[in-house]
Amino acid sequence: MRTATWSSRPRAARAGPEPMPFGLTEAEIAAFGLTFGVGAFMLYMVFIILQLAHESKAGKFGTFVLFLALGFGFIGFIAKGIIKWMLGGH
């Protein structure tokens, strides 16, 4: 028996899983969000680090240190993707 949804109208029974938006599975949506969503946040963080370096007048070496310290997590995320790609993972 189906549980109640936000609508009290009865639905026709379907065979198989419920369709997801754009015909994608939940795993495909999660993979897309992880890849492109985190990538977008990384680009935004680069903008924040550049703005921080500019406002603090850090100079070239100071900007390098800011990127090294604050952007170190980027390296791990990018390396994970490269290693996964090289090993043939999906």
PDB file of N, CA and C in Angstrom:
ATOM      1  N   MET A   1       0.843  -1.183   0.000  1.00  0.00           N
ATOM      2  CA  MET A   1       0.000   0.000   0.000  1.00  0.00           C
ATOM      3  C   MET A   1       0.884   1.242   0.000  1.00  0.00           C
ATOM      4  N   ARG A   2       0.512   2.197  -0.801  1.00  0.00           N
ATOM      5  CA  ARG A   2       1.288   3.425  -0.895  1.00  0.00           C
ATOM      6  C   ARG A   2       0.965   4.340   0.266  1.00  0.00           C
ATOM      7  N   THR A   3       1.958   5.086   0.671  1.00  0.00           N
ATOM      8  CA  THR A   3       1.728   6.065   1.728  1.00  0.00           C
ATOM      9  C   THR A   3       1.152   7.327   1.114  1.00  0.00           C
ATOM     10  N   ALA A   4       0.570   8.146   1.944  1.00  0.00           N
ATOM     11  CA  ALA A   4      -0.057   9.376   1.477  1.00  0.00           C
ATOM     12  C   ALA A   4       1.009  10.364   1.019  1.00  0.00           C
ATOM     13  N   THR A   5       0.721  11.082  -0.026  1.00  0.00           N
ATOM     14  CA  THR A   5       1.613  12.122  -0.512  1.00  0.00           C
ATOM     15  C   THR A   5       0.986  13.464  -0.221  1.00  0.00           C
ATOM     16  N   TRP A   6       1.588  14.518  -0.745  1.00  0.00           N
ATOM     17  CA  TRP A   6       1.049  15.843  -0.496  1.00  0.00           C
ATOM     18  C   TRP A   6      -0.322  16.019  -1.118  1.00  0.00           C
ATOM     19  N   SER A   7      -0.618  15.236  -2.094  1.00  0.00           N
ATOM     20  CA  SER A   7      -1.919  15.305  -2.731  1.00  0.00           C
ATOM     21  C   SER A   7      -2.746  14.094  -2.309  1.00  0.00           C
ATOM     22  N   SER A   8      -4.007  14.305  -2.055  1.00  0.00           N
ATOM     23  CA  SER A   8      -4.853  13.197  -1.637  1.00  0.00           C
ATOM     24  C   SER A   8      -5.503  12.484  -2.820  1.00  0.00           C
ATOM     25  N   ARG A   9      -5.204  12.956  -4.051  1.00  0.00           N
ATOM     26  CA  ARG A   9      -5.763  12.300  -5.218  1.00  0.00           C
ATOM     27  C   ARG A   9      -5.129  10.932  -5.407  1.00  0.00           C
ATOM     28  N   PRO A  10      -5.926   9.933  -5.745  1.00  0.00           N
ATOM     29  CA  PRO A  10      -5.327   8.611  -5.982  1.00  0.00           C
ATOM     30  C   PRO A  10      -4.521   8.609  -7.280  1.00  0.00           C
ATOM     31  N   ARG A  11      -3.438   7.825  -7.293  1.00  0.00           N
ATOM     32  CA  ARG A  11      -2.587   7.725  -8.465  1.00  0.00           C
ATOM     33  C   ARG A  11      -2.734   6.350  -9.077  1.00  0.00           C
ATOM     34  N   ALA A  12      -2.491   6.297 -10.356  1.00  0.00           N
ATOM     35  CA  ALA A  12      -2.488   5.006 -11.032  1.00  0.00           C
ATOM     36  C   ALA A  12      -1.201   4.264 -10.662  1.00  0.00           C
ATOM     37  N   ALA A  13      -1.321   2.978 -10.441  1.00  0.00           N
ATOM     38  CA  ALA A  13      -0.153   2.179 -10.078  1.00  0.00           C
ATOM     39  C   ALA A  13       0.775   2.054 -11.279  1.00  0.00           C
ATOM     40  N   ARG A  14       2.076   2.193 -11.024  1.00  0.00           N
ATOM     41  CA  ARG A  14       3.076   2.081 -12.082  1.00  0.00           C
ATOM     42  C   ARG A  14       4.037   0.961 -11.739  1.00  0.00           C
ATOM     43  N   ALA A  15       4.553   0.353 -12.756  1.00  0.00           N
ATOM     44  CA  ALA A  15       5.588  -0.651 -12.552  1.00  0.00           C
ATOM     45  C   ALA A  15       6.943   0.037 -12.581  1.00  0.00           C
ATOM     46  N   GLY A  16       7.834  -0.298 -11.670  1.00  0.00           N
ATOM     47  CA  GLY A  16       9.178   0.257 -11.650  1.00  0.00           C
ATOM     48  C   GLY A  16       9.280   1.490 -10.775  1.00  0.00           C
ATOM     49  N   PRO A  17      10.471   2.080 -10.725  1.00  0.00           N
ATOM     50  CA  PRO A  17      10.687   3.244  -9.859  1.00  0.00           C
ATOM     51  C   PRO A  17      10.023   4.498 -10.408  1.00  0.00           C
ATOM     52  N   GLU A  18       9.797   5.440  -9.531  1.00  0.00           N
ATOM     53  CA  GLU A  18       9.221   6.723  -9.918  1.00  0.00           C
ATOM     54  C   GLU A  18      10.194   7.450 -10.833  1.00  0.00           C
ATOM     55  N   PRO A  19       9.702   8.122 -11.859  1.00  0.00           N
ATOM     56  CA  PRO A  19      10.612   8.879 -12.725  1.00  0.00           C
ATOM     57  C   PRO A  19      11.169  10.086 -11.984  1.00  0.00           C
ATOM     58  N   MET A  20      12.430  10.371 -12.216  1.00  0.00           N
ATOM     59  CA  MET A  20      13.090  11.510 -11.599  1.00  0.00           C
ATOM     60  C   MET A  20      13.068  12.671 -12.590  1.00  0.00           C
ATOM     61  N   PRO A  21      13.408  13.879 -12.117  1.00  0.00           N
ATOM     62  CA  PRO A  21      13.454  15.023 -13.036  1.00  0.00           C
ATOM     63  C   PRO A  21      14.436  14.790 -14.182  1.00  0.00           C
ATOM     64  N   PHE A  22      14.070  15.191 -15.371  1.00  0.00           N
ATOM     65  CA  PHE A  22      14.877  15.082 -16.580  1.00  0.00           C
ATOM     66  C   PHE A  22      15.224  13.634 -16.931  1.00  0.00           C
ATOM     67  N   GLY A  23      14.524  12.669 -16.382  1.00  0.00           N
ATOM     68  CA  GLY A  23      14.750  11.271 -16.704  1.00  0.00           C
ATOM     69  C   GLY A  23      16.032  10.702 -16.132  1.00  0.00           C
ATOM     70  N   LEU A  24      16.605  11.324 -15.116  1.00  0.00           N
ATOM     71  CA  LEU A  24      17.847  10.865 -14.513  1.00  0.00           C
ATOM     72  C   LEU A  24      17.558  10.082 -13.238  1.00  0.00           C
ATOM     73  N   THR A  25      18.464   9.183 -12.885  1.00  0.00           N
ATOM     74  CA  THR A  25      18.330   8.466 -11.622  1.00  0.00           C
ATOM     75  C   THR A  25      18.894   9.330 -10.501  1.00  0.00           C
ATOM     76  N   GLU A  26      18.615   8.920  -9.293  1.00  0.00           N
ATOM     77  CA  GLU A  26      19.117   9.669  -8.147  1.00  0.00           C
ATOM     78  C   GLU A  26      20.635   9.667  -8.090  1.00  0.00           C
ATOM     79  N   ALA A  27      21.245   8.550  -8.454  1.00  0.00           N
ATOM     80  CA  ALA A  27      22.709   8.458  -8.453  1.00  0.00           C
ATOM     81  C   ALA A  27      23.325   9.389  -9.497  1.00  0.00           C
ATOM     82  N   GLU A  28      22.695   9.505 -10.661  1.00  0.00           N
ATOM     83  CA  GLU A  28      23.200  10.404 -11.703  1.00  0.00           C
ATOM     84  C   GLU A  28      23.078  11.867 -11.278  1.00  0.00           C
ATOM     85  N   ILE A  29      22.003  12.208 -10.605  1.00  0.00           N
ATOM     86  CA  ILE A  29      21.832  13.572 -10.111  1.00  0.00           C
ATOM     87  C   ILE A  29      22.879  13.876  -9.044  1.00  0.00           C
ATOM     88  N   ALA A  30      23.135  12.929  -8.157  1.00  0.00           N
ATOM     89  CA  ALA A  30      24.140  13.125  -7.117  1.00  0.00           C
ATOM     90  C   ALA A  30      25.535  13.271  -7.712  1.00  0.00           C
ATOM     91  N   ALA A  31      25.871  12.463  -8.702  1.00  0.00           N
ATOM     92  CA  ALA A  31      27.181  12.558  -9.344  1.00  0.00           C
ATOM     93  C   ALA A  31      27.340  13.901 -10.061  1.00  0.00           C
ATOM     94  N   PHE A  32      26.284  14.349 -10.740  1.00  0.00           N
ATOM     95  CA  PHE A  32      26.321  15.648 -11.414  1.00  0.00           C
ATOM     96  C   PHE A  32      26.511  16.769 -10.393  1.00  0.00           C
ATOM     97  N   GLY A  33      25.766  16.706  -9.304  1.00  0.00           N
ATOM     98  CA  GLY A  33      25.884  17.736  -8.271  1.00  0.00           C
ATOM     99  C   GLY A  33      27.253  17.759  -7.638  1.00  0.00           C
ATOM    100  N   LEU A  34      27.808  16.587  -7.410  1.00  0.00           N
ATOM    101  CA  LEU A  34      29.142  16.531  -6.805  1.00  0.00           C
ATOM    102  C   LEU A  34      30.176  17.105  -7.752  1.00  0.00           C
ATOM    103  N   THR A  35      30.109  16.720  -9.008  1.00  0.00           N
ATOM    104  CA  THR A  35      31.120  17.167  -9.960  1.00  0.00           C
ATOM    105  C   THR A  35      30.991  18.650 -10.272  1.00  0.00           C
ATOM    106  N   PHE A  36      29.834  19.067 -10.747  1.00  0.00           N
ATOM    107  CA  PHE A  36      29.683  20.447 -11.196  1.00  0.00           C
ATOM    108  C   PHE A  36      29.336  21.398 -10.055  1.00  0.00           C
ATOM    109  N   GLY A  37      28.591  20.938  -9.072  1.00  0.00           N
ATOM    110  CA  GLY A  37      28.252  21.799  -7.940  1.00  0.00           C
ATOM    111  C   GLY A  37      29.469  22.157  -7.114  1.00  0.00           C
ATOM    112  N   VAL A  38      30.269  21.161  -6.772  1.00  0.00           N
ATOM    113  CA  VAL A  38      31.484  21.426  -6.003  1.00  0.00           C
ATOM    114  C   VAL A  38      32.472  22.211  -6.856  1.00  0.00           C
ATOM    115  N   GLY A  39      32.526  21.920  -8.148  1.00  0.00           N
ATOM    116  CA  GLY A  39      33.395  22.696  -9.030  1.00  0.00           C
ATOM    117  C   GLY A  39      33.011  24.171  -9.057  1.00  0.00           C
ATOM    118  N   ALA A  40      31.718  24.444  -9.079  1.00  0.00           N
ATOM    119  CA  ALA A  40      31.245  25.833  -9.060  1.00  0.00           C
ATOM    120  C   ALA A  40      31.612  26.508  -7.737  1.00  0.00           C
ATOM    121  N   PHE A  41      31.473  25.791  -6.630  1.00  0.00           N
ATOM    122  CA  PHE A  41      31.871  26.352  -5.343  1.00  0.00           C
ATOM    123  C   PHE A  41      33.374  26.588  -5.280  1.00  0.00           C
ATOM    124  N   MET A  42      34.157  25.727  -5.913  1.00  0.00           N
ATOM    125  CA  MET A  42      35.601  25.923  -5.948  1.00  0.00           C
ATOM    126  C   MET A  42      35.953  27.194  -6.719  1.00  0.00           C
ATOM    127  N   LEU A  43      35.290  27.421  -7.847  1.00  0.00           N
ATOM    128  CA  LEU A  43      35.537  28.656  -8.601  1.00  0.00           C
ATOM    129  C   LEU A  43      35.143  29.887  -7.790  1.00  0.00           C
ATOM    130  N   TYR A  44      34.065  29.786  -7.057  1.00  0.00           N
ATOM    131  CA  TYR A  44      33.646  30.898  -6.201  1.00  0.00           C
ATOM    132  C   TYR A  44      34.665  31.141  -5.097  1.00  0.00           C
ATOM    133  N   MET A  45      35.223  30.076  -4.549  1.00  0.00           N
ATOM    134  CA  MET A  45      36.242  30.228  -3.510  1.00  0.00           C
ATOM    135  C   MET A  45      37.513  30.857  -4.076  1.00  0.00           C
ATOM    136  N   VAL A  46      37.860  30.538  -5.338  1.00  0.00           N
ATOM    137  CA  VAL A  46      39.004  31.188  -5.980  1.00  0.00           C
ATOM    138  C   VAL A  46      38.750  32.694  -6.058  1.00  0.00           C
ATOM    139  N   PHE A  47      37.545  33.081  -6.440  1.00  0.00           N
ATOM    140  CA  PHE A  47      37.185  34.501  -6.477  1.00  0.00           C
ATOM    141  C   PHE A  47      37.326  35.136  -5.092  1.00  0.00           C
ATOM    142  N   ILE A  48      36.888  34.444  -4.059  1.00  0.00           N
ATOM    143  CA  ILE A  48      36.984  34.979  -2.695  1.00  0.00           C
ATOM    144  C   ILE A  48      38.437  35.141  -2.283  1.00  0.00           C
ATOM    145  N   ILE A  49      39.283  34.166  -2.602  1.00  0.00           N
ATOM    146  CA  ILE A  49      40.700  34.252  -2.245  1.00  0.00           C
ATOM    147  C   ILE A  49      41.358  35.403  -2.996  1.00  0.00           C
ATOM    148  N   LEU A  50      41.041  35.565  -4.297  1.00  0.00           N
ATOM    149  CA  LEU A  50      41.592  36.691  -5.056  1.00  0.00           C
ATOM    150  C   LEU A  50      41.154  38.035  -4.469  1.00  0.00           C
ATOM    151  N   GLN A  51      39.883  38.119  -4.085  1.00  0.00           N
ATOM    152  CA  GLN A  51      39.383  39.361  -3.492  1.00  0.00           C
ATOM    153  C   GLN A  51      40.068  39.629  -2.153  1.00  0.00           C
ATOM    154  N   LEU A  52      40.267  38.603  -1.354  1.00  0.00           N
ATOM    155  CA  LEU A  52      40.955  38.743  -0.072  1.00  0.00           C
ATOM    156  C   LEU A  52      42.394  39.201  -0.279  1.00  0.00           C
ATOM    157  N   ALA A  53      43.080  38.631  -1.265  1.00  0.00           N
ATOM    158  CA  ALA A  53      44.458  39.026  -1.555  1.00  0.00           C
ATOM    159  C   ALA A  53      44.523  40.476  -2.035  1.00  0.00           C
ATOM    160  N   HIS A  54      43.565  40.870  -2.865  1.00  0.00           N
ATOM    161  CA  HIS A  54      43.545  42.240  -3.377  1.00  0.00           C
ATOM    162  C   HIS A  54      43.270  43.248  -2.265  1.00  0.00           C
ATOM    163  N   GLU A  55      42.277  42.966  -1.414  1.00  0.00           N
ATOM    164  CA  GLU A  55      41.917  43.897  -0.353  1.00  0.00           C
ATOM    165  C   GLU A  55      43.003  44.019   0.709  1.00  0.00           C
ATOM    166  N   SER A  56      43.766  42.951   0.922  1.00  0.00           N
ATOM    167  CA  SER A  56      44.823  43.008   1.935  1.00  0.00           C
ATOM    168  C   SER A  56      46.161  43.451   1.356  1.00  0.00           C
ATOM    169  N   LYS A  57      46.194  43.726   0.041  1.00  0.00           N
ATOM    170  CA  LYS A  57      47.411  44.135  -0.662  1.00  0.00           C
ATOM    171  C   LYS A  57      48.535  43.154  -0.372  1.00  0.00           C
ATOM    172  N   ALA A  58      48.256  41.883  -0.610  1.00  0.00           N
ATOM    173  CA  ALA A  58      49.172  40.814  -0.228  1.00  0.00           C
ATOM    174  C   ALA A  58      50.394  40.724  -1.130  1.00  0.00           C
ATOM    175  N   GLY A  59      50.330  41.183  -2.344  1.00  0.00           N
ATOM    176  CA  GLY A  59      51.461  41.038  -3.253  1.00  0.00           C
ATOM    177  C   GLY A  59      51.464  39.655  -3.887  1.00  0.00           C
ATOM    178  N   LYS A  60      52.486  39.385  -4.704  1.00  0.00           N
ATOM    179  CA  LYS A  60      52.533  38.115  -5.417  1.00  0.00           C
ATOM    180  C   LYS A  60      52.789  36.948  -4.473  1.00  0.00           C
ATOM    181  N   PHE A  61      53.769  37.096  -3.584  1.00  0.00           N
ATOM    182  CA  PHE A  61      54.082  35.998  -2.675  1.00  0.00           C
ATOM    183  C   PHE A  61      52.938  35.765  -1.682  1.00  0.00           C
ATOM    184  N   GLY A  62      52.356  36.839  -1.179  1.00  0.00           N
ATOM    185  CA  GLY A  62      51.230  36.708  -0.261  1.00  0.00           C
ATOM    186  C   GLY A  62      50.030  36.043  -0.909  1.00  0.00           C
ATOM    187  N   THR A  63      49.775  36.381  -2.163  1.00  0.00           N
ATOM    188  CA  THR A  63      48.683  35.747  -2.900  1.00  0.00           C
ATOM    189  C   THR A  63      48.957  34.266  -3.086  1.00  0.00           C
ATOM    190  N   PHE A  64      50.220  33.935  -3.394  1.00  0.00           N
ATOM    191  CA  PHE A  64      50.600  32.530  -3.520  1.00  0.00           C
ATOM    192  C   PHE A  64      50.376  31.781  -2.208  1.00  0.00           C
ATOM    193  N   VAL A  65      50.755  32.378  -1.095  1.00  0.00           N
ATOM    194  CA  VAL A  65      50.575  31.737   0.215  1.00  0.00           C
ATOM    195  C   VAL A  65      49.084  31.579   0.528  1.00  0.00           C
ATOM    196  N   LEU A  66      48.284  32.581   0.205  1.00  0.00           N
ATOM    197  CA  LEU A  66      46.836  32.470   0.421  1.00  0.00           C
ATOM    198  C   LEU A  66      46.250  31.314  -0.380  1.00  0.00           C
ATOM    199  N   PHE A  67      46.628  31.229  -1.650  1.00  0.00           N
ATOM    200  CA  PHE A  67      46.124  30.125  -2.471  1.00  0.00           C
ATOM    201  C   PHE A  67      46.633  28.786  -1.964  1.00  0.00           C
ATOM    202  N   LEU A  68      47.881  28.736  -1.515  1.00  0.00           N
ATOM    203  CA  LEU A  68      48.431  27.486  -0.994  1.00  0.00           C
ATOM    204  C   LEU A  68      47.690  27.044   0.261  1.00  0.00           C
ATOM    205  N   ALA A  69      47.452  27.973   1.168  1.00  0.00           N
ATOM    206  CA  ALA A  69      46.813  27.628   2.443  1.00  0.00           C
ATOM    207  C   ALA A  69      45.312  27.404   2.295  1.00  0.00           C
ATOM    208  N   LEU A  70      44.633  28.359   1.666  1.00  0.00           N
ATOM    209  CA  LEU A  70      43.177  28.291   1.589  1.00  0.00           C
ATOM    210  C   LEU A  70      42.685  27.381   0.472  1.00  0.00           C
ATOM    211  N   GLY A  71      43.496  27.195  -0.549  1.00  0.00           N
ATOM    212  CA  GLY A  71      43.082  26.372  -1.670  1.00  0.00           C
ATOM    213  C   GLY A  71      43.636  24.963  -1.637  1.00  0.00           C
ATOM    214  N   PHE A  72      44.195  24.540  -0.522  1.00  0.00           N
ATOM    215  CA  PHE A  72      44.800  23.209  -0.444  1.00  0.00           C
ATOM    216  C   PHE A  72      43.776  22.102  -0.625  1.00  0.00           C
ATOM    217  N   GLY A  73      42.547  22.313  -0.212  1.00  0.00           N
ATOM    218  CA  GLY A  73      41.499  21.314  -0.392  1.00  0.00           C
ATOM    219  C   GLY A  73      41.165  21.068  -1.846  1.00  0.00           C
ATOM    220  N   PHE A  74      41.393  22.079  -2.700  1.00  0.00           N
ATOM    221  CA  PHE A  74      41.170  21.911  -4.133  1.00  0.00           C
ATOM    222  C   PHE A  74      42.029  20.787  -4.678  1.00  0.00           C
ATOM    223  N   ILE A  75      43.276  20.771  -4.229  1.00  0.00           N
ATOM    224  CA  ILE A  75      44.234  19.785  -4.747  1.00  0.00           C
ATOM    225  C   ILE A  75      43.733  18.371  -4.472  1.00  0.00           C
ATOM    226  N   GLY A  76      43.247  18.120  -3.279  1.00  0.00           N
ATOM    227  CA  GLY A  76      42.735  16.799  -2.932  1.00  0.00           C
ATOM    228  C   GLY A  76      41.523  16.413  -3.761  1.00  0.00           C
ATOM    229  N   PHE A  77      40.612  17.358  -3.958  1.00  0.00           N
ATOM    230  CA  PHE A  77      39.402  17.066  -4.733  1.00  0.00           C
ATOM    231  C   PHE A  77      39.748  16.805  -6.191  1.00  0.00           C
ATOM    232  N   ILE A  78      40.625  17.614  -6.755  1.00  0.00           N
ATOM    233  CA  ILE A  78      41.024  17.430  -8.146  1.00  0.00           C
ATOM    234  C   ILE A  78      41.819  16.142  -8.306  1.00  0.00           C
ATOM    235  N   ALA A  79      42.726  15.852  -7.352  1.00  0.00           N
ATOM    236  CA  ALA A  79      43.518  14.621  -7.420  1.00  0.00           C
ATOM    237  C   ALA A  79      42.615  13.393  -7.339  1.00  0.00           C
ATOM    238  N   LYS A  80      41.580  13.445  -6.510  1.00  0.00           N
ATOM    239  CA  LYS A  80      40.652  12.323  -6.414  1.00  0.00           C
ATOM    240  C   LYS A  80      39.973  12.062  -7.755  1.00  0.00           C
ATOM    241  N   GLY A  81      39.556  13.111  -8.423  1.00  0.00           N
ATOM    242  CA  GLY A  81      38.930  12.957  -9.725  1.00  0.00           C
ATOM    243  C   GLY A  81      39.879  12.398 -10.765  1.00  0.00           C
ATOM    244  N   ILE A  82      41.132  12.856 -10.755  1.00  0.00           N
ATOM    245  CA  ILE A  82      42.118  12.362 -11.716  1.00  0.00           C
ATOM    246  C   ILE A  82      42.442  10.900 -11.456  1.00  0.00           C
ATOM    247  N   ILE A  83      42.638  10.541 -10.193  1.00  0.00           N
ATOM    248  CA  ILE A  83      42.947   9.150  -9.848  1.00  0.00           C
ATOM    249  C   ILE A  83      41.782   8.245 -10.219  1.00  0.00           C
ATOM    250  N   LYS A  84      40.571   8.693  -9.937  1.00  0.00           N
ATOM    251  CA  LYS A  84      39.384   7.910 -10.282  1.00  0.00           C
ATOM    252  C   LYS A  84      39.280   7.717 -11.791  1.00  0.00           C
ATOM    253  N   TRP A  85      39.567   8.770 -12.559  1.00  0.00           N
ATOM    254  CA  TRP A  85      39.525   8.696 -14.020  1.00  0.00           C
ATOM    255  C   TRP A  85      40.606   7.744 -14.539  1.00  0.00           C
ATOM    256  N   MET A  86      41.805   7.799 -13.972  1.00  0.00           N
ATOM    257  CA  MET A  86      42.916   6.958 -14.420  1.00  0.00           C
ATOM    258  C   MET A  86      42.651   5.477 -14.116  1.00  0.00           C
ATOM    259  N   LEU A  87      41.966   5.213 -13.028  1.00  0.00           N
ATOM    260  CA  LEU A  87      41.663   3.830 -12.661  1.00  0.00           C
ATOM    261  C   LEU A  87      40.426   3.302 -13.390  1.00  0.00           C
ATOM    262  N   GLY A  88      39.757   4.149 -14.135  1.00  0.00           N
ATOM    263  CA  GLY A  88      38.605   3.728 -14.918  1.00  0.00           C
ATOM    264  C   GLY A  88      37.322   3.728 -14.138  1.00  0.00           C
ATOM    265  N   GLY A  89      37.251   4.422 -13.017  1.00  0.00           N
ATOM    266  CA  GLY A  89      36.014   4.487 -12.235  1.00  0.00           C
ATOM    267  C   GLY A  89      35.005   5.409 -12.880  1.00  0.00           C
ATOM    268  N   HIS A  90      33.778   5.333 -12.430  1.00  0.00           N
ATOM    269  CA  HIS A  90      32.713   6.180 -12.994  1.00  0.00           C
ATOM    270  C   HIS A  90      32.347   7.243 -12.036  1.00  0.00           C
TER     271      HIS A  90
END
